[in-house]
Amino acid sequence: MTQQQLHVVTGAFGFSGKYIAARLLAAGHRVRTLTNTKPETDPHQGLVEVRPLNFADYSGLVEALKGAAVFYNTYWVRFNYGDFSYAGALENSRMLFAAVREAGVGRIVHISITNPSEDSPFEYFRDKAILEKLIIESGMSHAILRPAVLFGAEGILVNNIAWMLRRFPIFGVFGDGRYRLQPIHVDDLACLAVDQGQRRENRIINAIGPETFTFRDLVRMIGEAIGKKRRLVSISPGMAFSVVRKVGQMTGDILLTRDEIEGLMANLLYVEAEPAGTTRLSQWVEENRAVLGLKYASELARRGHN
């Protein structure tokens, strides 16, 4: 693909979308975002065109997507809360994909999740599988990226593990803690997304990092790096949910949901695949140990609920 083509990405002021937009700008592309976020400070210094992600205005979505060579989709919700729901996000995504097709966009790069399945007992993984099927059956040129856990300066999970380790003398591990996860740095995911945007073949890629951790070892590694090695105590999923709910009450946030705990314990954030990223979480944690977990990272604040 040539320089100066139009590339459209959802949420260019958010987490993964911000990194994708930055990589696209660095590659010399014209970048437009679909978003409802208005940051106090623009990380792209006005270089990204902004259009509303307004699902009540289908024709507006089509118009915003016209002329785009590639559409990068990061839109989704992490859990049901207030006016955010999986069901609503699924219907919104159907509309968004229809707009992409009608606008004649050349290719879609879609951010999914590891181990999606329409038979999953977990709505998040089940709906992600439905979205993948919609893209595949649409006939659009596509790349589907399946990350497990993202980490980076604005990441939530790793930061909030460190936050709890800094504040509590013991750390509750769900069950035996031997289930695995493969975190990928958000910029590695962005590089992969931009690379796939330049291709034409249909791909499904497990976007995992170069290190695999058991959850117990992940917590231990973070604690040692920040100088807060704590005693790890195995607790039941029910007790775990009670604990995270209390932490949520303290912080005015939702730390983890029951489905997230059970999905993690079911090894759904692990796949047998070659790594797609190169940044090692252990090295990143070591490099950021002085600031990691000093402040709590709120999902609801990121959504604008606080």
C-alpha atoms as a PDB file:
ATOM      1  CA  MET A   1       0.000   0.000   0.000  1.00  0.00           C
ATOM      2  CA  THR A   2       1.198   3.513  -0.786  1.00  0.00           C
ATOM      3  CA  GLN A   3       1.864   6.360   1.584  1.00  0.00           C
ATOM      4  CA  GLN A   4      -0.833   8.923   2.416  1.00  0.00           C
ATOM      5  CA  GLN A   5      -3.744   6.528   2.115  1.00  0.00           C
ATOM      6  CA  LEU A   6      -6.527   7.081   4.605  1.00  0.00           C
ATOM      7  CA  HIS A   7      -6.544   4.659   7.552  1.00  0.00           C
ATOM      8  CA  VAL A   8      -9.393   4.710  10.074  1.00  0.00           C
ATOM      9  CA  VAL A   9      -9.021   3.425  13.644  1.00  0.00           C
ATOM     10  CA  THR A  10     -11.523   3.349  16.485  1.00  0.00           C
ATOM     11  CA  GLY A  11     -10.537   4.907  19.789  1.00  0.00           C
ATOM     12  CA  ALA A  12      -7.313   6.681  18.815  1.00  0.00           C
ATOM     13  CA  PHE A  13      -7.284   8.409  22.217  1.00  0.00           C
ATOM     14  CA  GLY A  14      -7.748   5.155  24.142  1.00  0.00           C
ATOM     15  CA  PHE A  15      -5.319   2.315  24.800  1.00  0.00           C
ATOM     16  CA  SER A  16      -4.588   0.050  21.834  1.00  0.00           C
ATOM     17  CA  GLY A  17      -6.175   2.488  19.370  1.00  0.00           C
ATOM     18  CA  LYS A  18      -3.791   5.238  20.446  1.00  0.00           C
ATOM     19  CA  TYR A  19      -0.753   3.095  19.718  1.00  0.00           C
ATOM     20  CA  ILE A  20      -2.128   1.939  16.377  1.00  0.00           C
ATOM     21  CA  ALA A  21      -2.809   5.545  15.342  1.00  0.00           C
ATOM     22  CA  ALA A  22       0.690   6.595  16.411  1.00  0.00           C
ATOM     23  CA  ARG A  23       2.255   3.815  14.330  1.00  0.00           C
ATOM     24  CA  LEU A  24       0.139   4.759  11.330  1.00  0.00           C
ATOM     25  CA  LEU A  25       1.191   8.402  11.601  1.00  0.00           C
ATOM     26  CA  ALA A  26       4.844   7.365  11.919  1.00  0.00           C
ATOM     27  CA  ALA A  27       4.445   5.345   8.718  1.00  0.00           C
ATOM     28  CA  GLY A  28       3.264   8.475   6.899  1.00  0.00           C
ATOM     29  CA  HIS A  29      -0.424   7.628   6.609  1.00  0.00           C
ATOM     30  CA  ARG A  30      -3.403   9.933   6.884  1.00  0.00           C
ATOM     31  CA  VAL A  31      -5.281   8.825   9.996  1.00  0.00           C
ATOM     32  CA  ARG A  32      -8.881   9.309  11.062  1.00  0.00           C
ATOM     33  CA  THR A  33     -10.475   8.067  14.255  1.00  0.00           C
ATOM     34  CA  LEU A  34     -14.026   7.179  15.188  1.00  0.00           C
ATOM     35  CA  THR A  35     -14.381   8.047  18.863  1.00  0.00           C
ATOM     36  CA  ASN A  36     -16.539   9.709  21.487  1.00  0.00           C
ATOM     37  CA  THR A  37     -13.550  10.596  23.665  1.00  0.00           C
ATOM     38  CA  LYS A  38     -12.282  14.158  23.964  1.00  0.00           C
ATOM     39  CA  PRO A  39      -8.958  14.038  25.816  1.00  0.00           C
ATOM     40  CA  GLU A  40      -7.665  17.067  27.698  1.00  0.00           C
ATOM     41  CA  THR A  41      -4.353  16.593  25.908  1.00  0.00           C
ATOM     42  CA  ASP A  42      -4.254  15.241  22.368  1.00  0.00           C
ATOM     43  CA  PRO A  43      -1.519  12.562  22.200  1.00  0.00           C
ATOM     44  CA  HIS A  44      -1.400  12.982  18.413  1.00  0.00           C
ATOM     45  CA  GLN A  45      -1.080  16.794  18.466  1.00  0.00           C
ATOM     46  CA  GLY A  46      -3.990  17.340  16.108  1.00  0.00           C
ATOM     47  CA  LEU A  47      -2.647  15.041  13.397  1.00  0.00           C
ATOM     48  CA  VAL A  48      -5.552  12.572  13.654  1.00  0.00           C
ATOM     49  CA  GLU A  49      -8.866  13.549  12.075  1.00  0.00           C
ATOM     50  CA  VAL A  50     -11.773  13.003  14.467  1.00  0.00           C
ATOM     51  CA  ARG A  51     -15.255  11.743  13.619  1.00  0.00           C
ATOM     52  CA  PRO A  52     -17.944  10.653  16.106  1.00  0.00           C
ATOM     53  CA  LEU A  53     -18.501   6.963  16.798  1.00  0.00           C
ATOM     54  CA  ASN A  54     -22.254   7.518  16.697  1.00  0.00           C
ATOM     55  CA  PHE A  55     -24.193   4.298  16.199  1.00  0.00           C
ATOM     56  CA  ALA A  56     -27.428   6.280  15.926  1.00  0.00           C
ATOM     57  CA  ASP A  57     -26.085   7.848  12.730  1.00  0.00           C
ATOM     58  CA  TYR A  58     -25.408   4.997  10.314  1.00  0.00           C
ATOM     59  CA  SER A  59     -25.001   7.252   7.281  1.00  0.00           C
ATOM     60  CA  GLY A  60     -22.488   9.307   9.250  1.00  0.00           C
ATOM     61  CA  LEU A  61     -20.446   6.183   9.946  1.00  0.00           C
ATOM     62  CA  VAL A  62     -20.466   5.257   6.268  1.00  0.00           C
ATOM     63  CA  GLU A  63     -19.388   8.756   5.289  1.00  0.00           C
ATOM     64  CA  ALA A  64     -16.550   8.748   7.852  1.00  0.00           C
ATOM     65  CA  LEU A  65     -15.287   5.429   6.472  1.00  0.00           C
ATOM     66  CA  LYS A  66     -15.449   6.307   2.761  1.00  0.00           C
ATOM     67  CA  GLY A  67     -12.073   6.352   1.066  1.00  0.00           C
ATOM     68  CA  ALA A  68     -10.349   4.337   3.776  1.00  0.00           C
ATOM     69  CA  ALA A  69      -7.815   1.737   2.689  1.00  0.00           C
ATOM     70  CA  VAL A  70      -7.907   0.000   6.080  1.00  0.00           C
ATOM     71  CA  PHE A  71     -10.176   0.025   9.114  1.00  0.00           C
ATOM     72  CA  TYR A  72      -8.684  -0.981  12.488  1.00  0.00           C
ATOM     73  CA  ASN A  73     -11.354  -2.066  14.949  1.00  0.00           C
ATOM     74  CA  THR A  74     -10.605  -1.905  18.671  1.00  0.00           C
ATOM     75  CA  TYR A  75     -14.198  -1.184  19.729  1.00  0.00           C
ATOM     76  CA  TRP A  76     -15.640  -3.380  22.478  1.00  0.00           C
ATOM     77  CA  VAL A  77     -16.613  -3.282  26.163  1.00  0.00           C
ATOM     78  CA  ARG A  78     -14.841  -5.141  28.960  1.00  0.00           C
ATOM     79  CA  PHE A  79     -17.967  -5.888  30.997  1.00  0.00           C
ATOM     80  CA  ASN A  80     -21.635  -5.037  31.356  1.00  0.00           C
ATOM     81  CA  TYR A  81     -22.090  -1.781  33.239  1.00  0.00           C
ATOM     82  CA  GLY A  82     -24.744   0.907  32.975  1.00  0.00           C
ATOM     83  CA  ASP A  83     -25.275   1.838  29.344  1.00  0.00           C
ATOM     84  CA  PHE A  84     -22.367  -0.399  28.270  1.00  0.00           C
ATOM     85  CA  SER A  85     -23.248  -4.028  27.566  1.00  0.00           C
ATOM     86  CA  TYR A  86     -21.985  -6.942  25.496  1.00  0.00           C
ATOM     87  CA  ALA A  87     -25.353  -7.176  23.767  1.00  0.00           C
ATOM     88  CA  GLY A  88     -25.249  -3.509  22.853  1.00  0.00           C
ATOM     89  CA  ALA A  89     -21.623  -3.712  21.714  1.00  0.00           C
ATOM     90  CA  LEU A  90     -22.461  -6.724  19.545  1.00  0.00           C
ATOM     91  CA  GLU A  91     -25.276  -4.898  17.775  1.00  0.00           C
ATOM     92  CA  ASN A  92     -23.145  -1.772  17.422  1.00  0.00           C
ATOM     93  CA  SER A  93     -20.378  -3.868  15.891  1.00  0.00           C
ATOM     94  CA  ARG A  94     -22.795  -5.405  13.383  1.00  0.00           C
ATOM     95  CA  MET A  95     -23.713  -1.895  12.300  1.00  0.00           C
ATOM     96  CA  LEU A  96     -20.086  -0.805  12.177  1.00  0.00           C
ATOM     97  CA  PHE A  97     -19.072  -3.756   9.988  1.00  0.00           C
ATOM     98  CA  ALA A  98     -22.020  -3.076   7.681  1.00  0.00           C
ATOM     99  CA  ALA A  99     -20.852   0.533   7.366  1.00  0.00           C
ATOM    100  CA  VAL A 100     -17.319  -0.663   6.573  1.00  0.00           C
ATOM    101  CA  ARG A 101     -18.651  -2.825   3.743  1.00  0.00           C
ATOM    102  CA  GLU A 102     -20.949  -0.122   2.389  1.00  0.00           C
ATOM    103  CA  ALA A 103     -18.134   2.436   2.450  1.00  0.00           C
ATOM    104  CA  GLY A 104     -15.967   0.121   0.358  1.00  0.00           C
ATOM    105  CA  VAL A 105     -13.077  -0.049   2.803  1.00  0.00           C
ATOM    106  CA  GLY A 106     -10.255  -2.183   1.419  1.00  0.00           C
ATOM    107  CA  ARG A 107      -9.364  -4.190   4.524  1.00  0.00           C
ATOM    108  CA  ILE A 108     -10.314  -4.644   8.181  1.00  0.00           C
ATOM    109  CA  VAL A 109      -7.900  -5.384  11.010  1.00  0.00           C
ATOM    110  CA  HIS A 110      -9.919  -6.526  14.011  1.00  0.00           C
ATOM    111  CA  ILE A 111      -8.764  -6.907  17.615  1.00  0.00           C
ATOM    112  CA  SER A 112     -10.337 -10.007  19.171  1.00  0.00           C
ATOM    113  CA  ILE A 113      -9.284 -12.249  22.100  1.00  0.00           C
ATOM    114  CA  THR A 114      -7.556 -15.588  22.559  1.00  0.00           C
ATOM    115  CA  ASN A 115      -9.794 -18.665  22.473  1.00  0.00           C
ATOM    116  CA  PRO A 116     -13.087 -17.133  21.317  1.00  0.00           C
ATOM    117  CA  SER A 117     -15.881 -19.692  20.967  1.00  0.00           C
ATOM    118  CA  GLU A 118     -19.579 -19.495  20.223  1.00  0.00           C
ATOM    119  CA  ASP A 119     -19.976 -22.349  22.737  1.00  0.00           C
ATOM    120  CA  SER A 120     -18.146 -20.501  25.521  1.00  0.00           C
ATOM    121  CA  PRO A 121     -19.986 -20.124  28.840  1.00  0.00           C
ATOM    122  CA  PHE A 122     -18.528 -16.615  29.012  1.00  0.00           C
ATOM    123  CA  GLU A 123     -20.380 -13.906  27.112  1.00  0.00           C
ATOM    124  CA  TYR A 124     -17.195 -11.955  26.314  1.00  0.00           C
ATOM    125  CA  PHE A 125     -15.524 -14.884  24.545  1.00  0.00           C
ATOM    126  CA  ARG A 126     -18.804 -15.998  22.955  1.00  0.00           C
ATOM    127  CA  ASP A 127     -19.567 -12.593  21.424  1.00  0.00           C
ATOM    128  CA  LYS A 128     -15.981 -12.180  20.244  1.00  0.00           C
ATOM    129  CA  ALA A 129     -16.416 -15.438  18.296  1.00  0.00           C
ATOM    130  CA  ILE A 130     -19.627 -14.121  16.755  1.00  0.00           C
ATOM    131  CA  LEU A 131     -17.815 -10.968  15.624  1.00  0.00           C
ATOM    132  CA  GLU A 132     -15.025 -12.999  14.045  1.00  0.00           C
ATOM    133  CA  LYS A 133     -17.605 -15.065  12.165  1.00  0.00           C
ATOM    134  CA  LEU A 134     -19.309 -11.896  10.891  1.00  0.00           C
ATOM    135  CA  ILE A 135     -16.021 -10.614   9.502  1.00  0.00           C
ATOM    136  CA  ILE A 136     -15.047 -13.920   7.924  1.00  0.00           C
ATOM    137  CA  GLU A 137     -18.463 -14.401   6.302  1.00  0.00           C
ATOM    138  CA  SER A 138     -18.568 -10.799   5.061  1.00  0.00           C
ATOM    139  CA  GLY A 139     -16.042 -11.528   2.344  1.00  0.00           C
ATOM    140  CA  MET A 140     -13.940  -8.509   3.364  1.00  0.00           C
ATOM    141  CA  SER A 141     -10.165  -8.763   3.263  1.00  0.00           C
ATOM    142  CA  HIS A 142      -9.281  -9.149   6.923  1.00  0.00           C
ATOM    143  CA  ALA A 143      -6.779  -9.859   9.656  1.00  0.00           C
ATOM    144  CA  ILE A 144      -8.063 -10.925  13.067  1.00  0.00           C
ATOM    145  CA  LEU A 145      -5.618 -10.440  15.943  1.00  0.00           C
ATOM    146  CA  ARG A 146      -6.176 -12.362  19.154  1.00  0.00           C
ATOM    147  CA  PRO A 147      -4.282 -10.842  22.099  1.00  0.00           C
ATOM    148  CA  ALA A 148      -4.463 -12.315  25.580  1.00  0.00           C
ATOM    149  CA  VAL A 149      -3.494  -9.547  28.025  1.00  0.00           C
ATOM    150  CA  LEU A 150      -2.159  -6.150  26.972  1.00  0.00           C
ATOM    151  CA  PHE A 151       0.421  -4.308  29.026  1.00  0.00           C
ATOM    152  CA  GLY A 152       1.933  -0.852  28.724  1.00  0.00           C
ATOM    153  CA  ALA A 153       2.004   2.504  30.456  1.00  0.00           C
ATOM    154  CA  GLU A 154      -1.795   2.820  30.385  1.00  0.00           C
ATOM    155  CA  GLY A 155      -2.489  -0.857  31.072  1.00  0.00           C
ATOM    156  CA  ILE A 156      -4.765  -1.898  33.907  1.00  0.00           C
ATOM    157  CA  LEU A 157      -4.181  -5.516  35.005  1.00  0.00           C
ATOM    158  CA  VAL A 158      -0.421  -5.438  35.640  1.00  0.00           C
ATOM    159  CA  ASN A 159      -0.592  -1.988  37.222  1.00  0.00           C
ATOM    160  CA  ASN A 160      -3.395  -2.935  39.585  1.00  0.00           C
ATOM    161  CA  ILE A 161      -1.671  -6.146  40.662  1.00  0.00           C
ATOM    162  CA  ALA A 162       1.278  -3.941  41.629  1.00  0.00           C
ATOM    163  CA  TRP A 163      -1.098  -1.484  43.334  1.00  0.00           C
ATOM    164  CA  MET A 164      -2.509  -4.251  45.547  1.00  0.00           C
ATOM    165  CA  LEU A 165       0.932  -5.653  46.299  1.00  0.00           C
ATOM    166  CA  ARG A 166       2.016  -2.224  47.500  1.00  0.00           C
ATOM    167  CA  ARG A 167      -0.948  -1.938  49.875  1.00  0.00           C
ATOM    168  CA  PHE A 168      -1.813  -5.374  51.253  1.00  0.00           C
ATOM    169  CA  PRO A 169       0.378  -7.779  53.251  1.00  0.00           C
ATOM    170  CA  ILE A 170      -0.958 -10.884  51.474  1.00  0.00           C
ATOM    171  CA  PHE A 171      -2.226 -11.496  47.953  1.00  0.00           C
ATOM    172  CA  GLY A 172      -5.108 -13.836  47.170  1.00  0.00           C
ATOM    173  CA  VAL A 173      -4.514 -16.070  44.156  1.00  0.00           C
ATOM    174  CA  PHE A 174      -7.577 -17.626  42.530  1.00  0.00           C
ATOM    175  CA  GLY A 175      -7.378 -21.395  43.012  1.00  0.00           C
ATOM    176  CA  ASP A 176      -3.926 -22.923  42.540  1.00  0.00           C
ATOM    177  CA  GLY A 177      -2.713 -20.051  40.353  1.00  0.00           C
ATOM    178  CA  ARG A 178      -1.202 -22.402  37.777  1.00  0.00           C
ATOM    179  CA  TYR A 179      -3.334 -21.258  34.853  1.00  0.00           C
ATOM    180  CA  ARG A 180      -1.326 -19.380  32.265  1.00  0.00           C
ATOM    181  CA  LEU A 181      -1.367 -16.113  30.374  1.00  0.00           C
ATOM    182  CA  GLN A 182       0.817 -14.558  27.672  1.00  0.00           C
ATOM    183  CA  PRO A 183       0.877 -10.754  27.903  1.00  0.00           C
ATOM    184  CA  ILE A 184       1.787  -8.692  24.839  1.00  0.00           C
ATOM    185  CA  HIS A 185       2.980  -5.095  24.900  1.00  0.00           C
ATOM    186  CA  VAL A 186       0.408  -2.731  23.393  1.00  0.00           C
ATOM    187  CA  ASP A 187       2.948  -1.272  20.966  1.00  0.00           C
ATOM    188  CA  ASP A 188       3.872  -4.761  19.744  1.00  0.00           C
ATOM    189  CA  LEU A 189       0.170  -5.293  19.028  1.00  0.00           C
ATOM    190  CA  ALA A 190       0.041  -1.942  17.221  1.00  0.00           C
ATOM    191  CA  CYS A 191       3.039  -2.871  15.055  1.00  0.00           C
ATOM    192  CA  LEU A 192       1.372  -6.166  14.187  1.00  0.00           C
ATOM    193  CA  ALA A 193      -1.904  -4.430  13.339  1.00  0.00           C
ATOM    194  CA  VAL A 194      -0.243  -1.894  11.037  1.00  0.00           C
ATOM    195  CA  ASP A 195       1.795  -4.622   9.336  1.00  0.00           C
ATOM    196  CA  GLN A 196      -1.346  -6.664   8.709  1.00  0.00           C
ATOM    197  CA  GLY A 197      -3.075  -3.579   7.348  1.00  0.00           C
ATOM    198  CA  GLN A 198      -0.520  -3.574   4.522  1.00  0.00           C
ATOM    199  CA  ARG A 199      -1.335  -7.146   3.494  1.00  0.00           C
ATOM    200  CA  ARG A 200      -4.187  -8.685   1.568  1.00  0.00           C
ATOM    201  CA  GLU A 201      -4.389 -12.316   2.659  1.00  0.00           C
ATOM    202  CA  ASN A 202      -6.935 -13.265   5.305  1.00  0.00           C
ATOM    203  CA  ARG A 203      -5.232 -14.076   8.596  1.00  0.00           C
ATOM    204  CA  ILE A 204      -6.095 -15.063  12.166  1.00  0.00           C
ATOM    205  CA  ILE A 205      -3.103 -14.458  14.443  1.00  0.00           C
ATOM    206  CA  ASN A 206      -2.660 -15.266  18.120  1.00  0.00           C
ATOM    207  CA  ALA A 207      -1.122 -11.981  19.253  1.00  0.00           C
ATOM    208  CA  ILE A 208       0.805 -13.182  22.285  1.00  0.00           C
ATOM    209  CA  GLY A 209       4.020 -11.988  23.882  1.00  0.00           C
ATOM    210  CA  PRO A 210       7.335 -13.838  24.197  1.00  0.00           C
ATOM    211  CA  GLU A 211       6.812 -14.894  27.837  1.00  0.00           C
ATOM    212  CA  THR A 212       4.286 -17.262  29.375  1.00  0.00           C
ATOM    213  CA  PHE A 213       3.486 -16.942  33.081  1.00  0.00           C
ATOM    214  CA  THR A 214       1.351 -18.829  35.495  1.00  0.00           C
ATOM    215  CA  PHE A 215      -0.758 -16.301  37.348  1.00  0.00           C
ATOM    216  CA  ARG A 216       1.077 -17.146  40.564  1.00  0.00           C
ATOM    217  CA  ASP A 217       4.456 -16.545  38.928  1.00  0.00           C
ATOM    218  CA  LEU A 218       3.224 -13.313  37.361  1.00  0.00           C
ATOM    219  CA  VAL A 219       2.224 -11.913  40.755  1.00  0.00           C
ATOM    220  CA  ARG A 220       5.484 -13.101  42.311  1.00  0.00           C
ATOM    221  CA  MET A 221       7.556 -11.506  39.527  1.00  0.00           C
ATOM    222  CA  ILE A 222       5.777  -8.156  39.886  1.00  0.00           C
ATOM    223  CA  GLY A 223       6.144  -8.215  43.680  1.00  0.00           C
ATOM    224  CA  GLU A 224       9.856  -8.930  43.527  1.00  0.00           C
ATOM    225  CA  ALA A 225      10.425  -6.190  40.948  1.00  0.00           C
ATOM    226  CA  ILE A 226       8.705  -3.469  42.988  1.00  0.00           C
ATOM    227  CA  GLY A 227      10.197  -4.649  46.283  1.00  0.00           C
ATOM    228  CA  LYS A 228       6.874  -5.889  47.668  1.00  0.00           C
ATOM    229  CA  LYS A 229       7.192  -9.661  47.781  1.00  0.00           C
ATOM    230  CA  ARG A 230       4.038 -10.875  49.519  1.00  0.00           C
ATOM    231  CA  ARG A 231       2.725 -14.183  50.780  1.00  0.00           C
ATOM    232  CA  LEU A 232       0.429 -15.689  48.142  1.00  0.00           C
ATOM    233  CA  VAL A 233      -2.701 -17.365  49.466  1.00  0.00           C
ATOM    234  CA  SER A 234      -4.957 -19.609  47.372  1.00  0.00           C
ATOM    235  CA  ILE A 235      -8.625 -18.644  47.574  1.00  0.00           C
ATOM    236  CA  SER A 236     -11.765 -20.002  45.914  1.00  0.00           C
ATOM    237  CA  PRO A 237     -13.325 -18.203  42.928  1.00  0.00           C
ATOM    238  CA  GLY A 238     -16.272 -17.211  45.121  1.00  0.00           C
ATOM    239  CA  MET A 239     -14.023 -15.708  47.770  1.00  0.00           C
ATOM    240  CA  ALA A 240     -11.905 -14.096  45.054  1.00  0.00           C
ATOM    241  CA  PHE A 241     -14.955 -12.352  43.630  1.00  0.00           C
ATOM    242  CA  SER A 242     -15.896 -11.147  47.113  1.00  0.00           C
ATOM    243  CA  VAL A 243     -12.402  -9.707  47.591  1.00  0.00           C
ATOM    244  CA  VAL A 244     -12.254  -7.950  44.226  1.00  0.00           C
ATOM    245  CA  ARG A 245     -15.731  -6.553  44.801  1.00  0.00           C
ATOM    246  CA  LYS A 246     -14.558  -5.007  48.079  1.00  0.00           C
ATOM    247  CA  VAL A 247     -11.528  -3.543  46.332  1.00  0.00           C
ATOM    248  CA  GLY A 248     -13.923  -2.163  43.736  1.00  0.00           C
ATOM    249  CA  GLN A 249     -15.947  -0.502  46.473  1.00  0.00           C
ATOM    250  CA  MET A 250     -12.753   1.064  47.820  1.00  0.00           C
ATOM    251  CA  THR A 251     -11.724   2.404  44.419  1.00  0.00           C
ATOM    252  CA  GLY A 252     -15.106   3.134  42.864  1.00  0.00           C
ATOM    253  CA  ASP A 253     -14.281   0.736  40.058  1.00  0.00           C
ATOM    254  CA  ILE A 254     -14.774  -2.842  38.875  1.00  0.00           C
ATOM    255  CA  LEU A 255     -11.413  -4.543  39.422  1.00  0.00           C
ATOM    256  CA  LEU A 256     -12.359  -7.890  37.859  1.00  0.00           C
ATOM    257  CA  THR A 257     -15.622  -9.633  37.053  1.00  0.00           C
ATOM    258  CA  ARG A 258     -16.560 -13.184  37.979  1.00  0.00           C
ATOM    259  CA  ASP A 259     -16.365 -14.171  34.291  1.00  0.00           C
ATOM    260  CA  GLU A 260     -12.871 -12.699  34.018  1.00  0.00           C
ATOM    261  CA  ILE A 261     -11.712 -14.678  37.041  1.00  0.00           C
ATOM    262  CA  GLU A 262     -13.253 -17.920  35.791  1.00  0.00           C
ATOM    263  CA  GLY A 263     -12.059 -17.338  32.220  1.00  0.00           C
ATOM    264  CA  LEU A 264      -8.527 -16.795  33.460  1.00  0.00           C
ATOM    265  CA  MET A 265      -8.714 -19.964  35.562  1.00  0.00           C
ATOM    266  CA  ALA A 266      -9.979 -21.850  32.493  1.00  0.00           C
ATOM    267  CA  ASN A 267      -6.705 -21.006  30.694  1.00  0.00           C
ATOM    268  CA  LEU A 268      -8.513 -18.927  28.065  1.00  0.00           C
ATOM    269  CA  LEU A 269      -5.657 -16.395  28.024  1.00  0.00           C
ATOM    270  CA  TYR A 270      -3.196 -19.062  26.874  1.00  0.00           C
ATOM    271  CA  VAL A 271      -2.661 -20.646  23.461  1.00  0.00           C
ATOM    272  CA  GLU A 272      -0.087 -22.941  21.902  1.00  0.00           C
ATOM    273  CA  ALA A 273       1.443 -20.569  19.353  1.00  0.00           C
ATOM    274  CA  GLU A 274       4.583 -18.745  18.386  1.00  0.00           C
ATOM    275  CA  PRO A 275       4.893 -15.292  19.981  1.00  0.00           C
ATOM    276  CA  ALA A 276       3.877 -12.322  17.856  1.00  0.00           C
ATOM    277  CA  GLY A 277       5.456  -9.712  20.143  1.00  0.00           C
ATOM    278  CA  THR A 278       9.044  -9.208  21.259  1.00  0.00           C
ATOM    279  CA  THR A 279       8.762  -7.030  24.381  1.00  0.00           C
ATOM    280  CA  ARG A 280       9.260  -9.074  27.539  1.00  0.00           C
ATOM    281  CA  LEU A 281       6.879  -8.222  30.358  1.00  0.00           C
ATOM    282  CA  SER A 282       9.507  -9.092  32.977  1.00  0.00           C
ATOM    283  CA  GLN A 283      11.910  -6.545  31.497  1.00  0.00           C
ATOM    284  CA  TRP A 284       9.193  -3.915  31.144  1.00  0.00           C
ATOM    285  CA  VAL A 285       8.137  -4.370  34.776  1.00  0.00           C
ATOM    286  CA  GLU A 286      11.761  -4.027  35.893  1.00  0.00           C
ATOM    287  CA  GLU A 287      12.173  -0.829  33.867  1.00  0.00           C
ATOM    288  CA  ASN A 288       8.948   0.647  35.301  1.00  0.00           C
ATOM    289  CA  ARG A 289       9.190  -0.688  38.851  1.00  0.00           C
ATOM    290  CA  ALA A 290       9.524   2.776  40.432  1.00  0.00           C
ATOM    291  CA  VAL A 291       6.107   3.941  39.199  1.00  0.00           C
ATOM    292  CA  LEU A 292       4.181   0.709  38.627  1.00  0.00           C
ATOM    293  CA  GLY A 293       1.178   0.498  40.929  1.00  0.00           C
ATOM    294  CA  LEU A 294       1.676   3.859  42.626  1.00  0.00           C
ATOM    295  CA  LYS A 295      -1.755   4.877  41.387  1.00  0.00           C
ATOM    296  CA  TYR A 296      -4.805   2.715  40.811  1.00  0.00           C
ATOM    297  CA  ALA A 297      -5.878   2.430  37.141  1.00  0.00           C
ATOM    298  CA  SER A 298      -9.669   2.719  36.910  1.00  0.00           C
ATOM    299  CA  GLU A 299     -11.599   1.126  34.074  1.00  0.00           C
ATOM    300  CA  LEU A 300     -14.722   3.144  34.859  1.00  0.00           C
ATOM    301  CA  ALA A 301     -12.752   6.408  34.920  1.00  0.00           C
ATOM    302  CA  ARG A 302     -11.361   5.504  31.510  1.00  0.00           C
ATOM    303  CA  ARG A 303     -14.928   5.041  30.284  1.00  0.00           C
ATOM    304  CA  GLY A 304     -15.928   8.396  31.752  1.00  0.00           C
ATOM    305  CA  HIS A 305     -18.136   7.054  34.561  1.00  0.00           C
ATOM    306  CA  ASN A 306     -16.123   8.649  37.375  1.00  0.00           C
END
